[in-house]
C-alpha atoms as a PDB file:
ATOM      1  CA  UNK A   1      81.741 111.436 100.078  1.00  0.00           C
ATOM      2  CA  UNK A   2      80.035 110.547  96.846  1.00  0.00           C
ATOM      3  CA  UNK A   3      80.641 106.787  97.043  1.00  0.00           C
ATOM      4  CA  UNK A   4      79.015 106.237 100.430  1.00  0.00           C
ATOM      5  CA  UNK A   5      75.785 104.262 100.018  1.00  0.00           C
ATOM      6  CA  UNK A   6      72.627 105.970 101.170  1.00  0.00           C
ATOM      7  CA  UNK A   7      72.192 103.598 104.124  1.00  0.00           C
ATOM      8  CA  UNK A   8      75.603 104.712 105.487  1.00  0.00           C
ATOM      9  CA  UNK A   9      75.511 108.385 104.496  1.00  0.00           C
ATOM     10  CA  UNK A  10      74.539 109.578 107.976  1.00  0.00           C
ATOM     11  CA  UNK A  11      77.488 107.899 109.689  1.00  0.00           C
ATOM     12  CA  UNK A  12      80.266 110.066 111.067  1.00  0.00           C
ATOM     13  CA  UNK A  13      83.660 109.767 109.341  1.00  0.00           C
ATOM     14  CA  UNK A  14      87.100 111.089 110.188  1.00  0.00           C
ATOM     15  CA  UNK A  15      88.696 111.048 106.725  1.00  0.00           C
ATOM     16  CA  UNK A  16      85.851 111.177 104.225  1.00  0.00           C
ATOM     17  CA  UNK A  17      88.093 111.047 101.155  1.00  0.00           C
ATOM     18  CA  UNK A  18      89.765 107.895 102.458  1.00  0.00           C
ATOM     19  CA  UNK A  19      86.364 106.342 103.092  1.00  0.00           C
ATOM     20  CA  UNK A  20      85.530 106.861  99.411  1.00  0.00           C
ATOM     21  CA  UNK A  21      88.897 105.357  98.400  1.00  0.00           C
ATOM     22  CA  UNK A  22      88.229 102.379 100.671  1.00  0.00           C
ATOM     23  CA  UNK A  23      84.764 101.862  99.190  1.00  0.00           C
ATOM     24  CA  UNK A  24      86.258 101.990  95.681  1.00  0.00           C
ATOM     25  CA  UNK A  25      88.971  99.496  96.691  1.00  0.00           C
ATOM     26  CA  UNK A  26      86.408  97.078  98.112  1.00  0.00           C
ATOM     27  CA  UNK A  27      84.390  97.313  94.906  1.00  0.00           C
ATOM     28  CA  UNK A  28      81.612  94.946  94.016  1.00  0.00           C
ATOM     29  CA  UNK A  29      80.347  92.959  97.017  1.00  0.00           C
ATOM     30  CA  UNK A  30      79.641  89.923  94.813  1.00  0.00           C
ATOM     31  CA  UNK A  31      83.318  89.860  93.804  1.00  0.00           C
ATOM     32  CA  UNK A  32      84.343  90.104  97.459  1.00  0.00           C
ATOM     33  CA  UNK A  33      81.992  87.222  98.326  1.00  0.00           C
ATOM     34  CA  UNK A  34      83.396  85.090  95.478  1.00  0.00           C
ATOM     35  CA  UNK A  35      86.954  85.629  96.727  1.00  0.00           C
ATOM     36  CA  UNK A  36      85.918  84.922 100.324  1.00  0.00           C
ATOM     37  CA  UNK A  37      84.404  81.629  99.126  1.00  0.00           C
ATOM     38  CA  UNK A  38      87.650  80.760  97.306  1.00  0.00           C
ATOM     39  CA  UNK A  39      89.693  81.503 100.401  1.00  0.00           C
ATOM     40  CA  UNK A  40      87.310  79.366 102.471  1.00  0.00           C
ATOM     41  CA  UNK A  41      88.114  76.445 100.163  1.00  0.00           C
ATOM     42  CA  UNK A  42      91.834  77.065 100.728  1.00  0.00           C
ATOM     43  CA  UNK A  43      91.398  77.356 104.508  1.00  0.00           C
ATOM     44  CA  UNK A  44      91.130  73.587 105.004  1.00  0.00           C
ATOM     45  CA  UNK A  45      94.568  71.907 105.201  1.00  0.00           C
ATOM     46  CA  UNK A  46      93.328  68.792 103.392  1.00  0.00           C
ATOM     47  CA  UNK A  47      91.834  70.702 100.467  1.00  0.00           C
ATOM     48  CA  UNK A  48      94.869  72.958 100.311  1.00  0.00           C
ATOM     49  CA  UNK A  49      97.150  69.912 100.185  1.00  0.00           C
ATOM     50  CA  UNK A  50      95.117  68.433  97.343  1.00  0.00           C
ATOM     51  CA  UNK A  51      95.197  71.695  95.396  1.00  0.00           C
ATOM     52  CA  UNK A  52      98.952  72.055  95.884  1.00  0.00           C
ATOM     53  CA  UNK A  53      99.471  68.507  94.628  1.00  0.00           C
ATOM     54  CA  UNK A  54      97.282  69.076  91.569  1.00  0.00           C
ATOM     55  CA  UNK A  55      98.855  72.449  90.840  1.00  0.00           C
ATOM     56  CA  UNK A  56     102.391  71.073  91.039  1.00  0.00           C
ATOM     57  CA  UNK A  57     102.000  67.685  89.365  1.00  0.00           C
ATOM     58  CA  UNK A  58      98.964  67.959  87.132  1.00  0.00           C
ATOM     59  CA  UNK A  59      96.111  65.433  86.944  1.00  0.00           C
ATOM     60  CA  UNK A  60      95.991  62.768  89.654  1.00  0.00           C
ATOM     61  CA  UNK A  61      93.549  60.029  90.644  1.00  0.00           C
ATOM     62  CA  UNK A  62      91.836  59.946  94.036  1.00  0.00           C
ATOM     63  CA  UNK A  63      93.997  57.123  95.373  1.00  0.00           C
ATOM     64  CA  UNK A  64      97.201  58.882  94.314  1.00  0.00           C
ATOM     65  CA  UNK A  65      96.012  62.131  95.884  1.00  0.00           C
ATOM     66  CA  UNK A  66      95.182  60.259  99.095  1.00  0.00           C
ATOM     67  CA  UNK A  67      98.702  58.851  99.318  1.00  0.00           C
ATOM     68  CA  UNK A  68     100.306  62.196  98.472  1.00  0.00           C
ATOM     69  CA  UNK A  69      98.208  64.175 100.984  1.00  0.00           C
ATOM     70  CA  UNK A  70      98.190  61.537 103.721  1.00  0.00           C
ATOM     71  CA  UNK A  71      94.412  61.302 103.608  1.00  0.00           C
ATOM     72  CA  UNK A  72      91.917  58.466 103.190  1.00  0.00           C
ATOM     73  CA  UNK A  73      90.213  57.954  99.839  1.00  0.00           C
ATOM     74  CA  UNK A  74      86.713  58.931 101.112  1.00  0.00           C
ATOM     75  CA  UNK A  75      88.041  62.196 102.586  1.00  0.00           C
ATOM     76  CA  UNK A  76      89.759  63.009  99.286  1.00  0.00           C
ATOM     77  CA  UNK A  77      86.572  62.211  97.367  1.00  0.00           C
ATOM     78  CA  UNK A  78      84.535  64.482  99.622  1.00  0.00           C
ATOM     79  CA  UNK A  79      87.058  67.334  99.313  1.00  0.00           C
ATOM     80  CA  UNK A  80      87.139  66.935  95.538  1.00  0.00           C
ATOM     81  CA  UNK A  81      83.335  67.007  95.447  1.00  0.00           C
ATOM     82  CA  UNK A  82      83.395  70.437  97.139  1.00  0.00           C
ATOM     83  CA  UNK A  83      86.198  71.696  94.912  1.00  0.00           C
ATOM     84  CA  UNK A  84      84.419  70.424  91.804  1.00  0.00           C
ATOM     85  CA  UNK A  85      81.132  72.074  92.838  1.00  0.00           C
ATOM     86  CA  UNK A  86      83.021  75.363  93.274  1.00  0.00           C
ATOM     87  CA  UNK A  87      84.538  75.037  89.804  1.00  0.00           C
ATOM     88  CA  UNK A  88      88.093  74.809  91.125  1.00  0.00           C
ATOM     89  CA  UNK A  89      88.856  71.290  89.874  1.00  0.00           C
ATOM     90  CA  UNK A  90      87.513  69.018  87.154  1.00  0.00           C
ATOM     91  CA  UNK A  91      87.724  65.282  86.657  1.00  0.00           C
ATOM     92  CA  UNK A  92      88.621  63.549  83.417  1.00  0.00           C
ATOM     93  CA  UNK A  93      87.679  59.919  82.995  1.00  0.00           C
ATOM     94  CA  UNK A  94      90.225  57.519  81.515  1.00  0.00           C
ATOM     95  CA  UNK A  95      88.481  54.139  81.492  1.00  0.00           C
ATOM     96  CA  UNK A  96      87.701  53.365  85.132  1.00  0.00           C
ATOM     97  CA  UNK A  97      90.084  55.995  86.497  1.00  0.00           C
ATOM     98  CA  UNK A  98      89.135  59.629  87.033  1.00  0.00           C
ATOM     99  CA  UNK A  99      92.037  62.042  87.182  1.00  0.00           C
ATOM    100  CA  UNK A 100      91.422  65.464  88.696  1.00  0.00           C
ATOM    101  CA  UNK A 101      93.069  68.694  87.634  1.00  0.00           C
ATOM    102  CA  UNK A 102      93.052  72.276  88.827  1.00  0.00           C
ATOM    103  CA  UNK A 103      90.861  74.430  86.571  1.00  0.00           C
ATOM    104  CA  UNK A 104      90.628  77.799  88.332  1.00  0.00           C
ATOM    105  CA  UNK A 105      93.464  80.084  87.151  1.00  0.00           C
ATOM    106  CA  UNK A 106      92.898  82.530  90.030  1.00  0.00           C
ATOM    107  CA  UNK A 107      93.359  79.752  92.598  1.00  0.00           C
ATOM    108  CA  UNK A 108      96.431  78.535  90.693  1.00  0.00           C
ATOM    109  CA  UNK A 109      97.899  82.028  90.917  1.00  0.00           C
ATOM    110  CA  UNK A 110      97.216  82.230  94.665  1.00  0.00           C
ATOM    111  CA  UNK A 111      98.881  78.845  95.139  1.00  0.00           C
ATOM    112  CA  UNK A 112     101.858  79.815  93.004  1.00  0.00           C
ATOM    113  CA  UNK A 113     102.577  83.186  94.559  1.00  0.00           C
ATOM    114  CA  UNK A 114     100.924  83.034  97.956  1.00  0.00           C
ATOM    115  CA  UNK A 115     101.521  79.496  99.165  1.00  0.00           C
ATOM    116  CA  UNK A 116     104.505  78.304  97.180  1.00  0.00           C
ATOM    117  CA  UNK A 117     106.078  81.762  97.219  1.00  0.00           C
ATOM    118  CA  UNK A 118     107.404  81.580  93.693  1.00  0.00           C
ATOM    119  CA  UNK A 119     108.109  84.947  92.080  1.00  0.00           C
ATOM    120  CA  UNK A 120     106.523  85.899  88.777  1.00  0.00           C
END
């Protein structure tokens, strides 16, 4: 059981080789945390609706996203603020209008294959 961290080395295991395989599969805890944070963003139906709209149609303004998702403009703005802070979306100004687009390819892939169910 060479992969077991020192703080867990004294714990009893049933299948030690599988424990090492499981530890290897889990990998870097920072990577796991980053993915958990991404999934937390997707866990909200409003944010997920916005991301699906942006993924499918491309850049959209807040008011258009609000109509498409059945949300109010302030709720869309707040959701986009969170998504922008997480690096999942970005806004591009065109005069007075800001159009948002999906920028995270990993989230796009999850939407494409996990939510929309489209094959590769």
